[in-house]
Amino acid sequence: MLKLHGYFRSSAAFRARIALNLKGLAYEQAFIHLRKNEQRAQGYLARNPQGLVPLLEEDGLELIQSLAIIEYLDETHPQPPLLPENAADKARVRAISQIIACDIHPLDNLRVLRYLAKPLGHDEKEVEEWFIHWIRLGFEAIEPMLAQDKRCGRFCHGDDPGLADICLVPQVFNAKRYPSFDLKPYPVIGRVFENCMQLEAFTRARPEQQPDFEK
């Protein structure tokens, strides 16, 4: 049995849940409350020295980092594939995914926002402006990558969901947390997001569908 350690609001854990659902894999969940700093408990740090989520267990193996977990799942459970076969297509999908997972998300995750507020002393409005700034820069790059490339179909790459969609959906959820963020300049991102949210694999992974959800 697969076991996923995560937190309902974590974008990275959200990605892992989507991937597991797309693969049709049954998994148990364990909950690490990031706002209560459970990720810094010694028992958890012994398993994941970064003190982050997700962590995936399978048969004594413990894996960290969402993109590594997703590619592991794609290699060990190859159907349906989350990456295209062609090397150039694969590079395109990874590029879109990494704009989100490597450029936007590390600047906007909970530990960074907490650090901006304390000890750096930025107020709530300044933290919000920081959060939105980095999403906007990322979306300004992703939107033309989708709109100007014929390989974009119902989803980021073709007509089947894959790694790029797995990364995009949680980031759109994050953007929607702030009413001041306008998604209208990104119509293709919005269309792909809506197509994803018609699939059970994505809707079942939503933060509010998780047992540890808190308002």
Protein backbone atom coordinates (compact mmCIF):
# COMPACT_ATOMS: atom_id res chain seq x y z
CA MET A 1 0.00 0.00 0.00
CA LEU A 2 1.21 3.47 -0.89
CA LYS A 3 1.18 6.05 1.90
CA LEU A 4 1.29 9.78 1.20
CA HIS A 5 2.32 12.20 3.92
CA GLY A 6 0.91 15.62 3.11
CA TYR A 7 -1.08 18.68 4.09
CA PHE A 8 -4.35 19.70 2.48
CA ARG A 9 -3.13 23.14 1.39
CA SER A 10 0.33 22.13 0.19
CA SER A 11 0.65 22.58 -3.57
CA ALA A 12 3.32 19.90 -3.72
CA ALA A 13 1.15 17.36 -1.88
CA PHE A 14 -1.76 18.38 -4.13
CA ARG A 15 0.35 17.45 -7.15
CA ALA A 16 1.15 14.05 -5.70
CA ARG A 17 -2.52 13.36 -4.96
CA ILE A 18 -3.48 14.20 -8.55
CA ALA A 19 -0.79 11.91 -9.94
CA LEU A 20 -1.83 9.02 -7.72
CA ASN A 21 -5.46 9.54 -8.73
CA LEU A 22 -4.65 9.72 -12.44
CA LYS A 23 -2.77 6.44 -12.10
CA GLY A 24 -5.76 4.90 -10.33
CA LEU A 25 -3.59 3.93 -7.37
CA ALA A 26 -5.02 3.35 -3.91
CA TYR A 27 -3.13 5.15 -1.17
CA GLU A 28 -3.36 5.89 2.51
CA GLN A 29 -2.86 9.44 3.75
CA ALA A 30 -0.92 10.68 6.76
CA PHE A 31 -1.31 14.32 7.72
CA ILE A 32 1.52 16.70 8.57
CA HIS A 33 0.12 20.00 9.85
CA LEU A 34 2.47 22.60 8.43
CA ARG A 35 1.04 25.52 10.42
CA LYS A 36 1.66 23.60 13.65
CA ASN A 37 5.23 22.83 12.52
CA GLU A 38 4.68 19.07 12.62
CA GLN A 39 7.09 18.87 9.69
CA ARG A 40 9.88 19.90 12.11
CA ALA A 41 9.21 17.05 14.55
CA GLN A 42 12.27 14.85 14.99
CA GLY A 43 10.43 11.72 13.92
CA TYR A 44 9.42 13.29 10.62
CA LEU A 45 12.81 14.94 10.04
CA ALA A 46 14.43 11.52 10.43
CA ARG A 47 12.44 10.42 7.39
CA ASN A 48 12.57 13.66 5.42
CA PRO A 49 15.50 15.87 6.46
CA GLN A 50 14.03 18.79 4.48
CA GLY A 51 10.99 18.85 6.74
CA LEU A 52 8.63 19.32 3.80
CA VAL A 53 5.70 17.48 2.24
CA PRO A 54 4.97 15.30 0.40
CA LEU A 55 6.67 12.11 1.42
CA LEU A 56 5.59 8.91 -0.31
CA GLU A 57 6.10 5.45 1.18
CA GLU A 58 5.99 2.22 -0.80
CA ASP A 59 7.32 -1.12 0.44
CA GLY A 60 9.87 0.43 2.79
CA LEU A 61 10.96 3.02 0.22
CA GLU A 62 10.56 6.68 1.20
CA LEU A 63 10.51 9.33 -1.51
CA ILE A 64 10.46 13.12 -1.25
CA GLN A 65 10.00 16.06 -3.66
CA SER A 66 6.79 16.08 -5.67
CA LEU A 67 8.29 16.00 -9.17
CA ALA A 68 10.58 13.12 -8.22
CA ILE A 69 7.61 11.27 -6.73
CA ILE A 70 5.48 11.85 -9.83
CA GLU A 71 8.19 10.64 -12.21
CA TYR A 72 8.76 7.61 -9.97
CA LEU A 73 5.05 6.79 -10.20
CA ASP A 74 5.17 7.26 -13.97
CA GLU A 75 8.07 4.83 -14.30
CA THR A 76 6.73 2.20 -11.91
CA HIS A 77 3.08 2.48 -13.00
CA PRO A 78 3.41 3.53 -16.65
CA GLN A 79 -0.30 3.65 -17.54
CA PRO A 80 -1.64 6.18 -18.18
CA PRO A 81 1.59 8.04 -18.99
CA LEU A 82 2.13 11.47 -17.47
CA LEU A 83 4.95 12.41 -19.86
CA PRO A 84 4.98 12.16 -23.65
CA GLU A 85 7.31 9.72 -25.41
CA ASN A 86 9.08 12.18 -27.70
CA ALA A 87 12.17 13.82 -26.14
CA ALA A 88 11.30 17.33 -27.36
CA ASP A 89 7.72 17.01 -26.11
CA LYS A 90 8.98 15.68 -22.80
CA ALA A 91 11.29 18.69 -22.46
CA ARG A 92 8.39 21.06 -23.17
CA VAL A 93 6.20 19.46 -20.50
CA ARG A 94 9.04 19.53 -17.97
CA ALA A 95 9.74 23.19 -18.76
CA ILE A 96 6.13 24.21 -18.03
CA SER A 97 6.14 22.08 -14.89
CA GLN A 98 9.41 23.53 -13.65
CA ILE A 99 8.34 27.14 -14.16
CA ILE A 100 5.70 26.35 -11.56
CA ALA A 101 7.51 23.92 -9.28
CA CYS A 102 10.96 25.52 -9.40
CA ASP A 103 10.33 29.23 -10.05
CA ILE A 104 6.90 30.21 -8.67
CA HIS A 105 6.24 27.79 -5.85
CA PRO A 106 9.55 28.05 -3.93
CA LEU A 107 9.03 31.82 -3.59
CA ASP A 108 5.37 31.56 -2.58
CA ASN A 109 5.26 28.60 -0.21
CA LEU A 110 4.23 28.81 3.42
CA ARG A 111 7.69 28.93 4.96
CA VAL A 112 8.71 31.87 2.72
CA LEU A 113 5.50 33.80 3.44
CA ARG A 114 5.99 33.21 7.16
CA TYR A 115 9.56 34.49 6.94
CA LEU A 116 8.43 37.63 5.12
CA ALA A 117 5.97 38.34 7.93
CA LYS A 118 8.25 37.25 10.79
CA PRO A 119 11.09 38.02 11.25
CA LEU A 120 11.27 40.43 8.29
CA GLY A 121 8.20 42.35 9.43
CA HIS A 122 6.22 42.72 6.21
CA ASP A 123 2.51 43.34 6.68
CA GLU A 124 -0.31 41.25 5.18
CA LYS A 125 -0.70 43.52 2.14
CA GLU A 126 3.01 43.38 1.34
CA VAL A 127 3.04 39.59 1.64
CA GLU A 128 0.04 39.39 -0.70
CA GLU A 129 1.80 41.62 -3.26
CA TRP A 130 4.87 39.38 -3.08
CA PHE A 131 2.74 36.25 -3.56
CA ILE A 132 0.86 37.66 -6.56
CA HIS A 133 3.98 39.12 -8.20
CA TRP A 134 5.65 35.75 -8.62
CA ILE A 135 2.53 33.98 -9.85
CA ARG A 136 1.97 36.73 -12.39
CA LEU A 137 5.52 36.46 -13.73
CA GLY A 138 5.18 32.70 -14.09
CA PHE A 139 1.77 32.85 -15.74
CA GLU A 140 3.00 35.53 -18.15
CA ALA A 141 5.51 32.96 -19.40
CA ILE A 142 3.22 29.93 -19.39
CA GLU A 143 0.28 31.56 -21.18
CA PRO A 144 2.13 32.13 -24.52
CA MET A 145 3.83 28.75 -24.19
CA LEU A 146 0.34 27.25 -24.32
CA ALA A 147 -1.41 29.71 -26.63
CA GLN A 148 1.27 29.74 -29.32
CA ASP A 149 2.02 26.02 -29.45
CA LYS A 150 -0.17 23.63 -31.42
CA ARG A 151 0.78 20.84 -29.05
CA CYS A 152 -1.50 22.41 -26.48
CA GLY A 153 -4.90 20.71 -26.69
CA ARG A 154 -7.55 20.26 -24.05
CA PHE A 155 -4.66 20.12 -21.63
CA CYS A 156 -1.19 21.65 -21.51
CA HIS A 157 0.12 19.02 -23.90
CA GLY A 158 -2.41 17.28 -26.08
CA ASP A 159 -5.78 15.93 -25.06
CA ASP A 160 -4.74 13.86 -22.05
CA PRO A 161 -3.69 15.28 -18.68
CA GLY A 162 -0.07 14.99 -17.67
CA LEU A 163 2.71 16.39 -15.56
CA ALA A 164 2.27 20.01 -16.63
CA ASP A 165 -1.44 19.94 -15.73
CA ILE A 166 -0.63 18.30 -12.40
CA CYS A 167 1.60 21.29 -11.60
CA LEU A 168 -0.67 23.95 -13.09
CA VAL A 169 -3.89 23.15 -11.24
CA PRO A 170 -2.56 23.64 -7.68
CA GLN A 171 -0.93 26.90 -8.76
CA VAL A 172 -4.24 28.20 -10.13
CA PHE A 173 -5.85 27.24 -6.83
CA ASN A 174 -3.20 29.34 -5.08
CA ALA A 175 -3.87 32.29 -7.37
CA LYS A 176 -7.59 32.07 -6.69
CA ARG A 177 -6.96 32.47 -2.95
CA TYR A 178 -6.44 36.19 -3.60
CA PRO A 179 -9.41 38.01 -5.20
CA SER A 180 -7.03 40.77 -6.32
CA PHE A 181 -5.31 38.35 -8.70
CA ASP A 182 -6.95 38.60 -12.13
CA LEU A 183 -6.93 35.38 -14.19
CA LYS A 184 -8.55 37.02 -17.24
CA PRO A 185 -5.21 37.80 -18.94
CA TYR A 186 -4.51 34.04 -19.00
CA PRO A 187 -7.42 32.52 -20.96
CA VAL A 188 -5.61 29.35 -22.05
CA ILE A 189 -4.45 28.64 -18.51
CA GLY A 190 -8.05 29.17 -17.41
CA ARG A 191 -9.38 26.82 -20.10
CA VAL A 192 -6.91 24.07 -19.27
CA PHE A 193 -7.72 24.46 -15.58
CA GLU A 194 -11.46 24.09 -16.23
CA ASN A 195 -10.86 21.00 -18.38
CA CYS A 196 -8.79 19.45 -15.59
CA MET A 197 -11.46 20.17 -13.01
CA GLN A 198 -13.95 18.12 -15.00
CA LEU A 199 -11.92 15.01 -14.14
CA GLU A 200 -12.40 13.10 -10.90
CA ALA A 201 -8.65 12.67 -10.45
CA PHE A 202 -8.32 16.42 -10.02
CA THR A 203 -11.53 17.13 -8.11
CA ARG A 204 -10.83 14.33 -5.59
CA ALA A 205 -7.40 15.85 -4.94
CA ARG A 206 -8.78 19.32 -4.13
CA PRO A 207 -7.72 20.73 -0.74
CA GLU A 208 -11.29 20.93 0.55
CA GLN A 209 -11.83 17.24 -0.23
CA GLN A 210 -9.05 16.12 2.12
CA PRO A 211 -9.76 14.75 5.61
CA ASP A 212 -7.41 17.32 7.19
CA PHE A 213 -9.08 20.32 5.50
CA GLU A 214 -9.48 23.43 7.62
CA LYS A 215 -11.11 26.71 6.61
